[in-house]
């Protein structure tokens, strides 16, 4: 018989996390920039100026098929349009994670980037528009 390590997570917690049921996605728009690109996984890490629902500013996003990772640049400002998928966890699992693992987590999130627009932050164009009015 294999002896369980102290830091192992019980099967009932793992099962719930792995089989979490995601709600209907919520579309969001936030500005930020690309921190890292993962070609083999077709994912990017983004730094968002405004946090997502759980308070994070750094989020890993799956790329939709129409977005080519090679077209992206690190460190430039984009407006990201993405779907936020949320799967709530039971109170029992949330309490276990908080008490036993010191992890505050009441839901699992996944993010899928649908589109993005390069923002020209250094441009004086918007200031010129204000002068014309």
C-alpha atoms as a PDB file:
ATOM      1  CA  UNK A   1       0.000   0.000   0.000  1.00  0.00           C
ATOM      2  CA  UNK A   2       1.266   3.438  -0.920  1.00  0.00           C
ATOM      3  CA  UNK A   3       1.539   5.767   2.038  1.00  0.00           C
ATOM      4  CA  UNK A   4      -0.034   9.167   1.452  1.00  0.00           C
ATOM      5  CA  UNK A   5       2.158  12.201   1.866  1.00  0.00           C
ATOM      6  CA  UNK A   6       0.958  14.893   4.251  1.00  0.00           C
ATOM      7  CA  UNK A   7       0.637  17.442   1.475  1.00  0.00           C
ATOM      8  CA  UNK A   8      -1.536  15.243  -0.766  1.00  0.00           C
ATOM      9  CA  UNK A   9      -4.962  16.649  -1.536  1.00  0.00           C
ATOM     10  CA  UNK A  10      -7.800  14.202  -0.829  1.00  0.00           C
ATOM     11  CA  UNK A  11      -9.497  12.513  -3.791  1.00  0.00           C
ATOM     12  CA  UNK A  12     -12.865  14.190  -3.096  1.00  0.00           C
ATOM     13  CA  UNK A  13     -11.229  17.642  -3.480  1.00  0.00           C
ATOM     14  CA  UNK A  14      -9.323  16.662  -6.616  1.00  0.00           C
ATOM     15  CA  UNK A  15     -12.443  15.090  -8.154  1.00  0.00           C
ATOM     16  CA  UNK A  16     -14.515  18.232  -7.656  1.00  0.00           C
ATOM     17  CA  UNK A  17     -11.806  20.480  -9.094  1.00  0.00           C
ATOM     18  CA  UNK A  18     -11.204  18.243 -12.132  1.00  0.00           C
ATOM     19  CA  UNK A  19     -14.935  17.814 -12.830  1.00  0.00           C
ATOM     20  CA  UNK A  20     -15.948  21.413 -12.164  1.00  0.00           C
ATOM     21  CA  UNK A  21     -18.951  22.562 -14.199  1.00  0.00           C
ATOM     22  CA  UNK A  22     -18.377  25.863 -15.923  1.00  0.00           C
ATOM     23  CA  UNK A  23     -21.164  28.421 -16.145  1.00  0.00           C
ATOM     24  CA  UNK A  24     -22.005  30.329 -19.311  1.00  0.00           C
ATOM     25  CA  UNK A  25     -18.981  32.497 -20.163  1.00  0.00           C
ATOM     26  CA  UNK A  26     -19.010  36.216 -19.507  1.00  0.00           C
ATOM     27  CA  UNK A  27     -17.399  38.404 -22.186  1.00  0.00           C
ATOM     28  CA  UNK A  28     -15.028  41.036 -20.837  1.00  0.00           C
ATOM     29  CA  UNK A  29     -12.871  43.848 -22.234  1.00  0.00           C
ATOM     30  CA  UNK A  30      -9.757  44.937 -20.373  1.00  0.00           C
ATOM     31  CA  UNK A  31      -6.546  46.698 -21.313  1.00  0.00           C
ATOM     32  CA  UNK A  32      -3.104  45.402 -20.540  1.00  0.00           C
ATOM     33  CA  UNK A  33      -0.107  43.810 -22.196  1.00  0.00           C
ATOM     34  CA  UNK A  34       1.376  40.415 -23.021  1.00  0.00           C
ATOM     35  CA  UNK A  35       3.912  39.156 -20.478  1.00  0.00           C
ATOM     36  CA  UNK A  36       4.758  35.751 -21.954  1.00  0.00           C
ATOM     37  CA  UNK A  37       3.785  33.604 -24.933  1.00  0.00           C
ATOM     38  CA  UNK A  38       3.553  29.808 -24.976  1.00  0.00           C
ATOM     39  CA  UNK A  39       3.615  28.639 -28.611  1.00  0.00           C
ATOM     40  CA  UNK A  40       3.245  24.932 -27.881  1.00  0.00           C
ATOM     41  CA  UNK A  41       0.148  25.490 -25.686  1.00  0.00           C
ATOM     42  CA  UNK A  42      -1.303  28.402 -27.713  1.00  0.00           C
ATOM     43  CA  UNK A  43      -1.598  30.480 -24.521  1.00  0.00           C
ATOM     44  CA  UNK A  44      -0.385  33.850 -23.309  1.00  0.00           C
ATOM     45  CA  UNK A  45       0.149  35.398 -19.899  1.00  0.00           C
ATOM     46  CA  UNK A  46      -1.308  38.890 -19.700  1.00  0.00           C
ATOM     47  CA  UNK A  47      -0.928  41.726 -17.215  1.00  0.00           C
ATOM     48  CA  UNK A  48      -4.255  43.554 -16.966  1.00  0.00           C
ATOM     49  CA  UNK A  49      -4.578  47.096 -15.622  1.00  0.00           C
ATOM     50  CA  UNK A  50      -7.923  46.286 -13.982  1.00  0.00           C
ATOM     51  CA  UNK A  51      -8.337  42.978 -12.139  1.00  0.00           C
ATOM     52  CA  UNK A  52     -10.635  40.141 -13.156  1.00  0.00           C
ATOM     53  CA  UNK A  53     -13.420  38.962 -10.837  1.00  0.00           C
ATOM     54  CA  UNK A  54     -11.157  37.100  -8.391  1.00  0.00           C
ATOM     55  CA  UNK A  55      -8.765  40.059  -8.012  1.00  0.00           C
ATOM     56  CA  UNK A  56      -5.915  38.852 -10.230  1.00  0.00           C
ATOM     57  CA  UNK A  57      -4.121  41.183 -12.614  1.00  0.00           C
ATOM     58  CA  UNK A  58      -2.004  38.451 -14.243  1.00  0.00           C
ATOM     59  CA  UNK A  59      -4.083  35.975 -16.216  1.00  0.00           C
ATOM     60  CA  UNK A  60      -3.237  33.096 -18.560  1.00  0.00           C
ATOM     61  CA  UNK A  61      -5.473  33.092 -21.632  1.00  0.00           C
ATOM     62  CA  UNK A  62      -6.120  30.436 -24.258  1.00  0.00           C
ATOM     63  CA  UNK A  63      -6.005  31.909 -27.760  1.00  0.00           C
ATOM     64  CA  UNK A  64      -8.908  31.427 -30.151  1.00  0.00           C
ATOM     65  CA  UNK A  65      -8.015  29.814 -33.481  1.00  0.00           C
ATOM     66  CA  UNK A  66      -8.148  33.150 -35.352  1.00  0.00           C
ATOM     67  CA  UNK A  67      -5.396  34.745 -33.221  1.00  0.00           C
ATOM     68  CA  UNK A  68      -1.843  33.896 -34.255  1.00  0.00           C
ATOM     69  CA  UNK A  69       0.655  33.996 -31.401  1.00  0.00           C
ATOM     70  CA  UNK A  70       3.330  35.256 -33.796  1.00  0.00           C
ATOM     71  CA  UNK A  71       1.310  38.425 -34.424  1.00  0.00           C
ATOM     72  CA  UNK A  72       1.481  39.455 -30.765  1.00  0.00           C
ATOM     73  CA  UNK A  73       4.128  41.630 -29.146  1.00  0.00           C
ATOM     74  CA  UNK A  74       5.228  41.618 -25.529  1.00  0.00           C
ATOM     75  CA  UNK A  75       4.970  44.844 -23.573  1.00  0.00           C
ATOM     76  CA  UNK A  76       2.695  46.818 -25.921  1.00  0.00           C
ATOM     77  CA  UNK A  77      -0.755  47.870 -24.753  1.00  0.00           C
ATOM     78  CA  UNK A  78      -3.772  45.998 -26.117  1.00  0.00           C
ATOM     79  CA  UNK A  79      -7.465  45.999 -25.413  1.00  0.00           C
ATOM     80  CA  UNK A  80      -8.239  42.325 -24.828  1.00  0.00           C
ATOM     81  CA  UNK A  81     -11.740  40.953 -25.484  1.00  0.00           C
ATOM     82  CA  UNK A  82     -12.049  37.585 -23.776  1.00  0.00           C
ATOM     83  CA  UNK A  83     -14.496  35.090 -22.344  1.00  0.00           C
ATOM     84  CA  UNK A  84     -14.269  34.431 -18.620  1.00  0.00           C
ATOM     85  CA  UNK A  85     -15.412  30.917 -17.721  1.00  0.00           C
ATOM     86  CA  UNK A  86     -16.216  30.337 -14.049  1.00  0.00           C
ATOM     87  CA  UNK A  87     -16.846  27.064 -12.211  1.00  0.00           C
ATOM     88  CA  UNK A  88     -17.876  27.616  -8.582  1.00  0.00           C
ATOM     89  CA  UNK A  89     -16.502  25.212  -5.985  1.00  0.00           C
ATOM     90  CA  UNK A  90     -18.540  23.826  -3.101  1.00  0.00           C
ATOM     91  CA  UNK A  91     -18.253  25.459   0.309  1.00  0.00           C
ATOM     92  CA  UNK A  92     -16.733  22.208   1.637  1.00  0.00           C
ATOM     93  CA  UNK A  93     -13.887  22.282  -0.929  1.00  0.00           C
ATOM     94  CA  UNK A  94     -13.306  26.029  -0.484  1.00  0.00           C
ATOM     95  CA  UNK A  95     -13.068  25.626   3.303  1.00  0.00           C
ATOM     96  CA  UNK A  96     -10.702  22.650   2.985  1.00  0.00           C
ATOM     97  CA  UNK A  97      -8.370  24.580   0.657  1.00  0.00           C
ATOM     98  CA  UNK A  98      -8.365  27.597   2.952  1.00  0.00           C
ATOM     99  CA  UNK A  99      -7.832  25.706   6.221  1.00  0.00           C
ATOM    100  CA  UNK A 100      -5.498  22.938   5.059  1.00  0.00           C
ATOM    101  CA  UNK A 101      -3.620  24.538   2.161  1.00  0.00           C
ATOM    102  CA  UNK A 102      -3.966  28.260   2.923  1.00  0.00           C
ATOM    103  CA  UNK A 103      -5.412  28.809  -0.561  1.00  0.00           C
ATOM    104  CA  UNK A 104      -8.361  31.173  -0.906  1.00  0.00           C
ATOM    105  CA  UNK A 105     -10.322  29.784  -3.831  1.00  0.00           C
ATOM    106  CA  UNK A 106     -14.064  29.534  -4.290  1.00  0.00           C
ATOM    107  CA  UNK A 107     -14.106  29.063  -8.069  1.00  0.00           C
ATOM    108  CA  UNK A 108     -11.978  27.937 -10.986  1.00  0.00           C
ATOM    109  CA  UNK A 109     -11.512  30.383 -13.833  1.00  0.00           C
ATOM    110  CA  UNK A 110     -10.500  29.922 -17.450  1.00  0.00           C
ATOM    111  CA  UNK A 111      -9.986  32.730 -19.927  1.00  0.00           C
ATOM    112  CA  UNK A 112     -10.220  32.562 -23.722  1.00  0.00           C
ATOM    113  CA  UNK A 113      -8.975  35.491 -25.761  1.00  0.00           C
ATOM    114  CA  UNK A 114     -11.431  36.238 -28.575  1.00  0.00           C
ATOM    115  CA  UNK A 115      -9.883  39.368 -30.078  1.00  0.00           C
ATOM    116  CA  UNK A 116      -7.487  42.153 -29.279  1.00  0.00           C
ATOM    117  CA  UNK A 117      -6.793  45.642 -30.487  1.00  0.00           C
ATOM    118  CA  UNK A 118      -3.449  47.398 -30.336  1.00  0.00           C
ATOM    119  CA  UNK A 119      -3.794  50.693 -28.481  1.00  0.00           C
ATOM    120  CA  UNK A 120      -1.535  53.584 -29.384  1.00  0.00           C
ATOM    121  CA  UNK A 121      -0.998  54.890 -25.867  1.00  0.00           C
ATOM    122  CA  UNK A 122       1.751  57.353 -26.780  1.00  0.00           C
ATOM    123  CA  UNK A 123      -0.376  59.072 -29.425  1.00  0.00           C
ATOM    124  CA  UNK A 124      -1.442  62.707 -29.130  1.00  0.00           C
ATOM    125  CA  UNK A 125      -4.403  62.002 -31.447  1.00  0.00           C
ATOM    126  CA  UNK A 126      -6.976  61.970 -28.639  1.00  0.00           C
ATOM    127  CA  UNK A 127      -5.709  65.332 -27.379  1.00  0.00           C
ATOM    128  CA  UNK A 128      -6.100  66.775 -30.913  1.00  0.00           C
ATOM    129  CA  UNK A 129      -9.692  65.477 -31.068  1.00  0.00           C
ATOM    130  CA  UNK A 130     -10.520  67.320 -27.864  1.00  0.00           C
ATOM    131  CA  UNK A 131      -9.203  70.590 -29.310  1.00  0.00           C
ATOM    132  CA  UNK A 132     -11.458  70.371 -32.381  1.00  0.00           C
ATOM    133  CA  UNK A 133     -14.683  70.216 -30.348  1.00  0.00           C
END
